[in-house]
Amino acid sequence: MFLVKLYRYSKGLFFTLIALLLFFLYINFKWGVVATPIYQYGMFSNAWYKAGPYPAYTVELNRHTYPLSNLPFPVRDQCVVIFSRYLDLKANNQWVIKALSPLYGTSFNKDDVIAGRVPFEVFSKWFEQWLGKITGEQVNSLIIYRSMVSWKDGVHVISSPEKVYPIVQ
């Protein structure tokens, strides 16, 4: 037994461990306070629902809905993250410009700080080739829809899908 070995090895360490255990028991039973999360059953007793809204993507590949669940999870995550980050670049860049303009005044050159200025044509060509490689299909047509999903009273609430790819520039 561990406590017997600990007692033989170091009596001081043994009594310190016993004192800590008794202290935690005293706090838990006498005061009703959970001293550590290890003892707290309620920590894992309920499902956690993200308030949202968060995006959910549907991919229409060659005029058929392609189930992203067919892809391994890391590849599926990579696909969605790459695409959603590209969509967010414009909004993020506007935020950067707004934050830095007061610091630099009129001498502020927007082209020096805007990240990800990849033209849509270049991104779309690369993205379609990459998607074709991971799905094993030739990409003739690609349409991506985004729905916003949130939880309300323990139930998914899904907005109507909006077409986000191809992006009209």
N, C-alpha and C. Protein backbone atom coordinates (compact mmCIF):
# COMPACT_ATOMS: atom_id res chain seq x y z
N MET A 1 0.84 -1.18 0.00
CA MET A 1 0.00 0.00 0.00
C MET A 1 0.89 1.25 0.00
N PHE A 2 0.41 2.26 -0.69
CA PHE A 2 1.20 3.47 -0.86
C PHE A 2 1.50 4.16 0.47
N LEU A 3 0.49 4.26 1.33
CA LEU A 3 0.68 4.96 2.59
C LEU A 3 1.69 4.25 3.50
N VAL A 4 1.70 2.93 3.47
CA VAL A 4 2.67 2.18 4.27
C VAL A 4 4.08 2.44 3.74
N LYS A 5 4.27 2.40 2.43
CA LYS A 5 5.58 2.68 1.86
C LYS A 5 6.02 4.11 2.14
N LEU A 6 5.08 5.04 2.06
CA LEU A 6 5.40 6.44 2.35
C LEU A 6 5.79 6.61 3.81
N TYR A 7 5.10 5.92 4.73
CA TYR A 7 5.43 6.00 6.15
C TYR A 7 6.84 5.48 6.42
N ARG A 8 7.20 4.37 5.77
CA ARG A 8 8.55 3.81 5.95
C ARG A 8 9.63 4.71 5.33
N TYR A 9 9.28 5.35 4.22
CA TYR A 9 10.25 6.18 3.51
C TYR A 9 10.46 7.52 4.21
N SER A 10 9.35 8.20 4.56
CA SER A 10 9.46 9.53 5.16
C SER A 10 8.25 9.77 6.05
N LYS A 11 8.49 9.72 7.36
CA LYS A 11 7.39 9.92 8.30
C LYS A 11 6.84 11.34 8.22
N GLY A 12 7.68 12.32 7.96
CA GLY A 12 7.23 13.71 7.86
C GLY A 12 6.31 13.91 6.67
N LEU A 13 6.68 13.36 5.54
CA LEU A 13 5.86 13.46 4.34
C LEU A 13 4.53 12.72 4.53
N PHE A 14 4.59 11.57 5.21
CA PHE A 14 3.38 10.80 5.49
C PHE A 14 2.40 11.61 6.32
N PHE A 15 2.89 12.22 7.42
CA PHE A 15 2.01 12.98 8.30
C PHE A 15 1.51 14.26 7.62
N THR A 16 2.32 14.84 6.74
CA THR A 16 1.87 16.01 5.98
C THR A 16 0.72 15.64 5.05
N LEU A 17 0.85 14.51 4.35
CA LEU A 17 -0.22 14.05 3.46
C LEU A 17 -1.49 13.74 4.24
N ILE A 18 -1.37 13.08 5.36
CA ILE A 18 -2.54 12.75 6.19
C ILE A 18 -3.20 14.04 6.69
N ALA A 19 -2.38 15.02 7.10
CA ALA A 19 -2.94 16.29 7.58
C ALA A 19 -3.68 17.01 6.46
N LEU A 20 -3.13 17.02 5.25
CA LEU A 20 -3.82 17.66 4.12
C LEU A 20 -5.13 16.95 3.80
N LEU A 21 -5.12 15.64 3.81
CA LEU A 21 -6.36 14.89 3.54
C LEU A 21 -7.42 15.18 4.60
N LEU A 22 -7.02 15.21 5.86
CA LEU A 22 -7.97 15.52 6.93
C LEU A 22 -8.49 16.95 6.81
N PHE A 23 -7.60 17.88 6.44
CA PHE A 23 -8.00 19.26 6.26
C PHE A 23 -9.04 19.38 5.14
N PHE A 24 -8.81 18.71 4.00
CA PHE A 24 -9.77 18.75 2.90
C PHE A 24 -11.11 18.11 3.31
N LEU A 25 -11.05 17.02 4.03
CA LEU A 25 -12.29 16.39 4.50
C LEU A 25 -13.05 17.32 5.44
N TYR A 26 -12.32 17.98 6.34
CA TYR A 26 -12.94 18.91 7.27
C TYR A 26 -13.64 20.04 6.51
N ILE A 27 -12.94 20.62 5.55
CA ILE A 27 -13.52 21.72 4.78
C ILE A 27 -14.76 21.25 4.02
N ASN A 28 -14.66 20.09 3.38
CA ASN A 28 -15.78 19.59 2.57
C ASN A 28 -17.02 19.26 3.40
N PHE A 29 -16.83 18.60 4.54
CA PHE A 29 -17.99 18.15 5.30
C PHE A 29 -18.49 19.20 6.29
N LYS A 30 -17.60 19.93 6.93
CA LYS A 30 -18.01 20.88 7.94
C LYS A 30 -18.54 22.17 7.32
N TRP A 31 -17.82 22.71 6.34
CA TRP A 31 -18.18 24.00 5.78
C TRP A 31 -18.98 23.89 4.49
N GLY A 32 -19.00 22.73 3.87
CA GLY A 32 -19.72 22.58 2.61
C GLY A 32 -19.02 23.25 1.44
N VAL A 33 -17.74 23.50 1.57
CA VAL A 33 -16.97 24.15 0.51
C VAL A 33 -16.14 23.09 -0.19
N VAL A 34 -16.11 23.15 -1.50
CA VAL A 34 -15.29 22.21 -2.25
C VAL A 34 -13.88 22.78 -2.34
N ALA A 35 -12.93 22.07 -1.75
CA ALA A 35 -11.56 22.58 -1.69
C ALA A 35 -10.83 22.41 -3.01
N THR A 36 -11.12 21.37 -3.72
CA THR A 36 -10.48 21.14 -5.01
C THR A 36 -11.53 20.64 -5.99
N PRO A 37 -11.29 20.81 -7.28
CA PRO A 37 -12.28 20.32 -8.26
C PRO A 37 -12.37 18.80 -8.31
N ILE A 38 -11.42 18.11 -7.72
CA ILE A 38 -11.44 16.64 -7.74
C ILE A 38 -12.67 16.12 -7.01
N TYR A 39 -13.06 16.79 -5.95
CA TYR A 39 -14.18 16.33 -5.15
C TYR A 39 -15.52 16.82 -5.66
N GLN A 40 -15.54 17.71 -6.60
CA GLN A 40 -16.78 18.36 -7.01
C GLN A 40 -17.48 17.55 -8.10
N TYR A 41 -18.53 16.85 -7.76
CA TYR A 41 -19.28 16.06 -8.72
C TYR A 41 -19.99 16.96 -9.71
N GLY A 42 -20.52 18.09 -9.27
CA GLY A 42 -21.29 18.99 -10.12
C GLY A 42 -20.49 19.58 -11.26
N MET A 43 -19.19 19.48 -11.18
CA MET A 43 -18.34 20.04 -12.23
C MET A 43 -18.62 19.39 -13.58
N PHE A 44 -18.98 18.12 -13.58
CA PHE A 44 -19.21 17.39 -14.82
C PHE A 44 -20.63 16.86 -14.91
N SER A 45 -21.56 17.42 -14.16
CA SER A 45 -22.88 16.82 -14.09
C SER A 45 -23.86 17.31 -15.15
N ASN A 46 -23.55 18.41 -15.85
CA ASN A 46 -24.48 18.93 -16.85
C ASN A 46 -23.78 19.10 -18.19
N ALA A 47 -24.58 19.03 -19.24
CA ALA A 47 -24.04 19.31 -20.57
C ALA A 47 -23.78 20.80 -20.69
N TRP A 48 -22.75 21.16 -21.44
CA TRP A 48 -22.40 22.56 -21.66
C TRP A 48 -22.80 22.94 -23.06
N TYR A 49 -23.63 23.95 -23.19
CA TYR A 49 -24.08 24.41 -24.49
C TYR A 49 -23.45 25.77 -24.77
N LYS A 50 -22.80 25.87 -25.90
CA LYS A 50 -22.22 27.15 -26.30
C LYS A 50 -23.36 28.06 -26.74
N ALA A 51 -23.35 29.28 -26.24
CA ALA A 51 -24.44 30.19 -26.53
C ALA A 51 -24.49 30.56 -28.01
N GLY A 52 -23.34 30.71 -28.62
CA GLY A 52 -23.28 31.01 -30.04
C GLY A 52 -23.64 32.44 -30.33
N PRO A 53 -23.96 32.79 -31.49
CA PRO A 53 -24.01 31.88 -32.64
C PRO A 53 -22.62 31.55 -33.17
N TYR A 54 -22.50 30.38 -33.74
CA TYR A 54 -21.26 29.97 -34.36
C TYR A 54 -21.57 29.41 -35.75
N PRO A 55 -20.60 29.53 -36.67
CA PRO A 55 -20.89 29.13 -38.06
C PRO A 55 -20.82 27.63 -38.27
N ALA A 56 -21.67 27.15 -39.16
CA ALA A 56 -21.63 25.77 -39.63
C ALA A 56 -21.64 25.83 -41.15
N TYR A 57 -20.74 25.10 -41.77
CA TYR A 57 -20.58 25.18 -43.22
C TYR A 57 -21.10 23.92 -43.90
N THR A 58 -21.70 24.12 -45.07
CA THR A 58 -22.14 23.03 -45.94
C THR A 58 -21.42 23.21 -47.27
N VAL A 59 -20.79 22.13 -47.74
CA VAL A 59 -20.02 22.19 -48.98
C VAL A 59 -20.78 21.47 -50.07
N GLU A 60 -21.00 22.16 -51.18
CA GLU A 60 -21.62 21.56 -52.36
C GLU A 60 -20.52 21.40 -53.40
N LEU A 61 -20.09 20.17 -53.60
CA LEU A 61 -18.97 19.86 -54.48
C LEU A 61 -19.51 19.15 -55.72
N ASN A 62 -19.26 19.72 -56.90
CA ASN A 62 -19.74 19.15 -58.16
C ASN A 62 -21.25 18.91 -58.14
N ARG A 63 -21.98 19.89 -57.64
CA ARG A 63 -23.44 19.91 -57.58
C ARG A 63 -24.06 18.87 -56.65
N HIS A 64 -23.25 18.32 -55.73
CA HIS A 64 -23.75 17.40 -54.71
C HIS A 64 -23.23 17.85 -53.36
N THR A 65 -24.06 17.71 -52.34
CA THR A 65 -23.62 18.06 -51.00
C THR A 65 -22.56 17.05 -50.56
N TYR A 66 -21.38 17.58 -50.21
CA TYR A 66 -20.29 16.70 -49.78
C TYR A 66 -20.30 16.64 -48.25
N PRO A 67 -20.45 15.45 -47.68
CA PRO A 67 -20.47 15.35 -46.22
C PRO A 67 -19.06 15.54 -45.65
N LEU A 68 -18.85 16.64 -44.95
CA LEU A 68 -17.55 16.89 -44.35
C LEU A 68 -17.20 15.83 -43.30
N SER A 69 -18.21 15.12 -42.81
CA SER A 69 -17.95 14.07 -41.82
C SER A 69 -17.17 12.90 -42.42
N ASN A 70 -17.08 12.83 -43.76
CA ASN A 70 -16.28 11.78 -44.39
C ASN A 70 -14.78 12.04 -44.23
N LEU A 71 -14.42 13.27 -43.94
CA LEU A 71 -13.02 13.63 -43.79
C LEU A 71 -12.57 13.36 -42.36
N PRO A 72 -11.29 13.03 -42.18
CA PRO A 72 -10.78 12.92 -40.80
C PRO A 72 -10.96 14.26 -40.08
N PHE A 73 -11.16 14.21 -38.78
CA PHE A 73 -11.47 15.43 -38.04
C PHE A 73 -10.42 16.53 -38.22
N PRO A 74 -9.11 16.25 -38.14
CA PRO A 74 -8.15 17.34 -38.32
C PRO A 74 -8.24 17.99 -39.70
N VAL A 75 -8.49 17.20 -40.74
CA VAL A 75 -8.58 17.74 -42.10
C VAL A 75 -9.87 18.56 -42.24
N ARG A 76 -10.96 18.06 -41.67
CA ARG A 76 -12.23 18.79 -41.71
C ARG A 76 -12.08 20.13 -40.99
N ASP A 77 -11.44 20.11 -39.84
CA ASP A 77 -11.22 21.33 -39.08
C ASP A 77 -10.34 22.30 -39.86
N GLN A 78 -9.31 21.77 -40.48
CA GLN A 78 -8.40 22.59 -41.28
C GLN A 78 -9.16 23.25 -42.44
N CYS A 79 -10.00 22.50 -43.09
CA CYS A 79 -10.78 23.02 -44.22
C CYS A 79 -11.68 24.17 -43.79
N VAL A 80 -12.39 23.99 -42.71
CA VAL A 80 -13.32 25.01 -42.24
C VAL A 80 -12.56 26.23 -41.71
N VAL A 81 -11.48 26.00 -40.98
CA VAL A 81 -10.73 27.11 -40.40
C VAL A 81 -10.07 27.95 -41.50
N ILE A 82 -9.45 27.31 -42.47
CA ILE A 82 -8.81 28.05 -43.56
C ILE A 82 -9.83 28.95 -44.26
N PHE A 83 -10.97 28.40 -44.58
CA PHE A 83 -11.98 29.16 -45.30
C PHE A 83 -12.55 30.28 -44.44
N SER A 84 -12.91 29.99 -43.20
CA SER A 84 -13.52 31.02 -42.36
C SER A 84 -12.53 32.13 -42.03
N ARG A 85 -11.25 31.79 -41.88
CA ARG A 85 -10.24 32.83 -41.62
C ARG A 85 -10.07 33.74 -42.83
N TYR A 86 -10.16 33.19 -44.03
CA TYR A 86 -10.07 34.03 -45.22
C TYR A 86 -11.25 34.99 -45.27
N LEU A 87 -12.44 34.51 -44.91
CA LEU A 87 -13.62 35.38 -44.90
C LEU A 87 -13.48 36.50 -43.86
N ASP A 88 -12.83 36.20 -42.75
CA ASP A 88 -12.69 37.17 -41.66
C ASP A 88 -11.60 38.20 -41.90
N LEU A 89 -10.74 37.98 -42.90
CA LEU A 89 -9.61 38.89 -43.10
C LEU A 89 -10.02 40.33 -43.33
N LYS A 90 -11.04 40.55 -44.11
CA LYS A 90 -11.44 41.92 -44.43
C LYS A 90 -11.91 42.65 -43.17
N ALA A 91 -12.71 41.99 -42.37
CA ALA A 91 -13.19 42.61 -41.13
C ALA A 91 -12.04 42.85 -40.17
N ASN A 92 -11.12 41.89 -40.06
CA ASN A 92 -9.98 42.05 -39.17
C ASN A 92 -9.08 43.18 -39.63
N ASN A 93 -8.87 43.30 -40.94
CA ASN A 93 -8.02 44.36 -41.45
C ASN A 93 -8.63 45.73 -41.19
N GLN A 94 -9.95 45.84 -41.29
CA GLN A 94 -10.59 47.12 -40.99
C GLN A 94 -10.39 47.49 -39.52
N TRP A 95 -10.42 46.48 -38.65
CA TRP A 95 -10.19 46.73 -37.23
C TRP A 95 -8.76 47.22 -36.99
N VAL A 96 -7.79 46.60 -37.65
CA VAL A 96 -6.39 47.02 -37.52
C VAL A 96 -6.22 48.45 -38.00
N ILE A 97 -6.80 48.79 -39.13
CA ILE A 97 -6.69 50.15 -39.66
C ILE A 97 -7.30 51.15 -38.68
N LYS A 98 -8.47 50.81 -38.13
CA LYS A 98 -9.13 51.71 -37.20
C LYS A 98 -8.30 51.89 -35.92
N ALA A 99 -7.66 50.82 -35.46
CA ALA A 99 -6.88 50.90 -34.22
C ALA A 99 -5.57 51.65 -34.41
N LEU A 100 -4.93 51.51 -35.57
CA LEU A 100 -3.62 52.12 -35.78
C LEU A 100 -3.67 53.53 -36.35
N SER A 101 -4.75 53.91 -36.98
CA SER A 101 -4.84 55.25 -37.58
C SER A 101 -4.62 56.38 -36.57
N PRO A 102 -5.21 56.33 -35.38
CA PRO A 102 -4.95 57.42 -34.43
C PRO A 102 -3.49 57.50 -33.98
N LEU A 103 -2.80 56.37 -33.98
CA LEU A 103 -1.40 56.37 -33.53
C LEU A 103 -0.46 56.97 -34.57
N TYR A 104 -0.74 56.70 -35.84
CA TYR A 104 0.18 57.12 -36.89
C TYR A 104 -0.29 58.33 -37.68
N GLY A 105 -1.54 58.71 -37.52
CA GLY A 105 -2.05 59.90 -38.19
C GLY A 105 -2.11 59.73 -39.70
N THR A 106 -1.85 60.82 -40.41
CA THR A 106 -1.98 60.83 -41.87
C THR A 106 -0.84 60.09 -42.56
N SER A 107 0.28 59.87 -41.85
CA SER A 107 1.41 59.17 -42.48
C SER A 107 1.23 57.66 -42.47
N PHE A 108 0.09 57.21 -41.99
CA PHE A 108 -0.18 55.78 -41.87
C PHE A 108 -0.45 55.17 -43.25
N ASN A 109 0.37 54.19 -43.65
CA ASN A 109 0.21 53.52 -44.94
C ASN A 109 -0.53 52.20 -44.71
N LYS A 110 -1.76 52.13 -45.18
CA LYS A 110 -2.59 50.95 -44.94
C LYS A 110 -2.01 49.69 -45.56
N ASP A 111 -1.35 49.82 -46.69
CA ASP A 111 -0.82 48.64 -47.37
C ASP A 111 0.31 47.97 -46.60
N ASP A 112 0.95 48.70 -45.68
CA ASP A 112 2.04 48.11 -44.91
C ASP A 112 1.56 47.19 -43.81
N VAL A 113 0.36 47.37 -43.32
CA VAL A 113 -0.10 46.60 -42.17
C VAL A 113 -1.18 45.57 -42.49
N ILE A 114 -1.82 45.69 -43.63
CA ILE A 114 -2.91 44.78 -43.93
C ILE A 114 -2.34 43.40 -44.26
N ALA A 115 -2.73 42.43 -43.43
CA ALA A 115 -2.24 41.07 -43.62
C ALA A 115 -3.17 40.31 -44.55
N GLY A 116 -2.62 39.33 -45.22
CA GLY A 116 -3.44 38.43 -46.03
C GLY A 116 -4.06 39.09 -47.23
N ARG A 117 -3.32 39.88 -47.95
CA ARG A 117 -3.87 40.55 -49.12
C ARG A 117 -3.79 39.64 -50.33
N VAL A 118 -4.15 38.40 -50.15
CA VAL A 118 -4.17 37.45 -51.25
C VAL A 118 -5.42 37.71 -52.07
N PRO A 119 -5.29 37.96 -53.36
CA PRO A 119 -6.50 38.18 -54.17
C PRO A 119 -7.40 36.95 -54.16
N PHE A 120 -8.69 37.20 -54.27
CA PHE A 120 -9.64 36.10 -54.21
C PHE A 120 -9.38 35.05 -55.29
N GLU A 121 -8.99 35.49 -56.48
CA GLU A 121 -8.75 34.55 -57.58
C GLU A 121 -7.64 33.56 -57.21
N VAL A 122 -6.58 34.06 -56.58
CA VAL A 122 -5.46 33.20 -56.17
C VAL A 122 -5.91 32.25 -55.07
N PHE A 123 -6.61 32.80 -54.07
CA PHE A 123 -7.08 31.96 -52.97
C PHE A 123 -8.04 30.88 -53.46
N SER A 124 -9.00 31.25 -54.31
CA SER A 124 -10.00 30.28 -54.77
C SER A 124 -9.36 29.16 -55.58
N LYS A 125 -8.38 29.50 -56.44
CA LYS A 125 -7.71 28.47 -57.22
C LYS A 125 -6.97 27.49 -56.30
N TRP A 126 -6.24 28.05 -55.33
CA TRP A 126 -5.51 27.19 -54.39
C TRP A 126 -6.47 26.35 -53.56
N PHE A 127 -7.54 26.99 -53.05
CA PHE A 127 -8.49 26.30 -52.17
C PHE A 127 -9.18 25.15 -52.90
N GLU A 128 -9.57 25.38 -54.15
CA GLU A 128 -10.23 24.32 -54.92
C GLU A 128 -9.27 23.17 -55.22
N GLN A 129 -8.01 23.47 -55.53
CA GLN A 129 -7.03 22.41 -55.75
C GLN A 129 -6.80 21.62 -54.46
N TRP A 130 -6.67 22.33 -53.36
CA TRP A 130 -6.43 21.67 -52.08
C TRP A 130 -7.62 20.80 -51.69
N LEU A 131 -8.84 21.32 -51.86
CA LEU A 131 -10.04 20.56 -51.53
C LEU A 131 -10.17 19.32 -52.42
N GLY A 132 -9.82 19.47 -53.69
CA GLY A 132 -9.84 18.32 -54.59
C GLY A 132 -8.84 17.25 -54.17
N LYS A 133 -7.69 17.68 -53.67
CA LYS A 133 -6.67 16.73 -53.23
C LYS A 133 -7.11 15.96 -51.99
N ILE A 134 -7.74 16.65 -51.04
CA ILE A 134 -8.13 15.95 -49.81
C ILE A 134 -9.39 15.12 -49.98
N THR A 135 -10.26 15.49 -50.93
CA THR A 135 -11.48 14.71 -51.15
C THR A 135 -11.28 13.62 -52.19
N GLY A 136 -10.22 13.75 -52.99
CA GLY A 136 -9.97 12.77 -54.04
C GLY A 136 -10.86 12.94 -55.25
N GLU A 137 -11.48 14.10 -55.41
CA GLU A 137 -12.36 14.37 -56.54
C GLU A 137 -11.87 15.58 -57.31
N GLN A 138 -12.13 15.58 -58.61
CA GLN A 138 -11.85 16.75 -59.43
C GLN A 138 -12.92 17.79 -59.13
N VAL A 139 -12.52 19.01 -58.80
CA VAL A 139 -13.47 20.06 -58.45
C VAL A 139 -13.86 20.82 -59.71
N ASN A 140 -15.10 20.60 -60.17
CA ASN A 140 -15.64 21.33 -61.31
C ASN A 140 -16.47 22.52 -60.84
N SER A 141 -17.20 22.34 -59.77
CA SER A 141 -17.97 23.44 -59.19
C SER A 141 -17.92 23.30 -57.67
N LEU A 142 -17.84 24.45 -57.01
CA LEU A 142 -17.77 24.46 -55.56
C LEU A 142 -18.61 25.62 -55.04
N ILE A 143 -19.55 25.30 -54.16
CA ILE A 143 -20.36 26.30 -53.49
C ILE A 143 -20.33 25.97 -52.00
N ILE A 144 -20.10 26.98 -51.18
CA ILE A 144 -20.08 26.80 -49.73
C ILE A 144 -21.15 27.69 -49.12
N TYR A 145 -21.96 27.08 -48.24
CA TYR A 145 -23.02 27.80 -47.53
C TYR A 145 -22.65 27.87 -46.05
N ARG A 146 -23.01 28.99 -45.43
CA ARG A 146 -22.78 29.16 -43.99
C ARG A 146 -24.12 29.40 -43.31
N SER A 147 -24.37 28.60 -42.26
CA SER A 147 -25.53 28.81 -41.39
C SER A 147 -25.00 29.16 -40.01
N MET A 148 -25.71 30.02 -39.33
CA MET A 148 -25.34 30.36 -37.97
C MET A 148 -26.16 29.49 -37.02
N VAL A 149 -25.46 28.84 -36.09
CA VAL A 149 -26.10 27.89 -35.17
C VAL A 149 -25.94 28.41 -33.75
N SER A 150 -27.00 28.31 -32.98
CA SER A 150 -26.94 28.67 -31.56
C SER A 150 -27.83 27.73 -30.77
N TRP A 151 -27.69 27.78 -29.46
CA TRP A 151 -28.51 26.97 -28.57
C TRP A 151 -29.59 27.83 -27.96
N LYS A 152 -30.81 27.30 -27.91
CA LYS A 152 -31.89 27.98 -27.21
C LYS A 152 -32.72 26.91 -26.51
N ASP A 153 -32.73 26.96 -25.21
CA ASP A 153 -33.46 25.98 -24.39
C ASP A 153 -33.03 24.54 -24.69
N GLY A 154 -31.72 24.33 -24.89
CA GLY A 154 -31.19 22.99 -25.11
C GLY A 154 -31.40 22.45 -26.51
N VAL A 155 -31.82 23.29 -27.45
CA VAL A 155 -32.09 22.84 -28.81
C VAL A 155 -31.28 23.70 -29.78
N HIS A 156 -30.74 23.06 -30.81
CA HIS A 156 -30.04 23.82 -31.86
C HIS A 156 -31.03 24.69 -32.63
N VAL A 157 -30.64 25.95 -32.83
CA VAL A 157 -31.42 26.85 -33.68
C VAL A 157 -30.50 27.20 -34.85
N ILE A 158 -30.93 26.85 -36.06
CA ILE A 158 -30.10 27.01 -37.25
C ILE A 158 -30.74 28.05 -38.16
N SER A 159 -29.94 29.07 -38.52
CA SER A 159 -30.45 30.09 -39.43
C SER A 159 -30.45 29.55 -40.85
N SER A 160 -31.15 30.23 -41.73
CA SER A 160 -31.16 29.79 -43.13
C SER A 160 -29.78 30.01 -43.72
N PRO A 161 -29.32 29.09 -44.56
CA PRO A 161 -27.95 29.18 -45.09
C PRO A 161 -27.78 30.34 -46.06
N GLU A 162 -26.60 30.95 -45.99
CA GLU A 162 -26.25 32.00 -46.95
C GLU A 162 -25.05 31.52 -47.75
N LYS A 163 -25.03 31.86 -49.01
CA LYS A 163 -23.95 31.45 -49.91
C LYS A 163 -22.75 32.35 -49.65
N VAL A 164 -21.61 31.73 -49.29
CA VAL A 164 -20.40 32.52 -49.00
C VAL A 164 -19.27 32.21 -49.96
N TYR A 165 -19.41 31.19 -50.78
CA TYR A 165 -18.39 30.87 -51.78
C TYR A 165 -19.08 30.36 -53.03
N PRO A 166 -18.81 30.81 -54.20
CA PRO A 166 -17.77 31.77 -54.52
C PRO A 166 -18.13 33.18 -54.04
N ILE A 167 -17.11 33.91 -53.60
CA ILE A 167 -17.28 35.25 -53.10
C ILE A 167 -17.39 36.20 -54.29
N VAL A 168 -18.38 37.04 -54.27
CA VAL A 168 -18.52 38.03 -55.33
C VAL A 168 -17.70 39.24 -54.91
N GLN A 169 -16.69 39.55 -55.70
CA GLN A 169 -15.80 40.68 -55.35
C GLN A 169 -16.32 41.97 -55.93
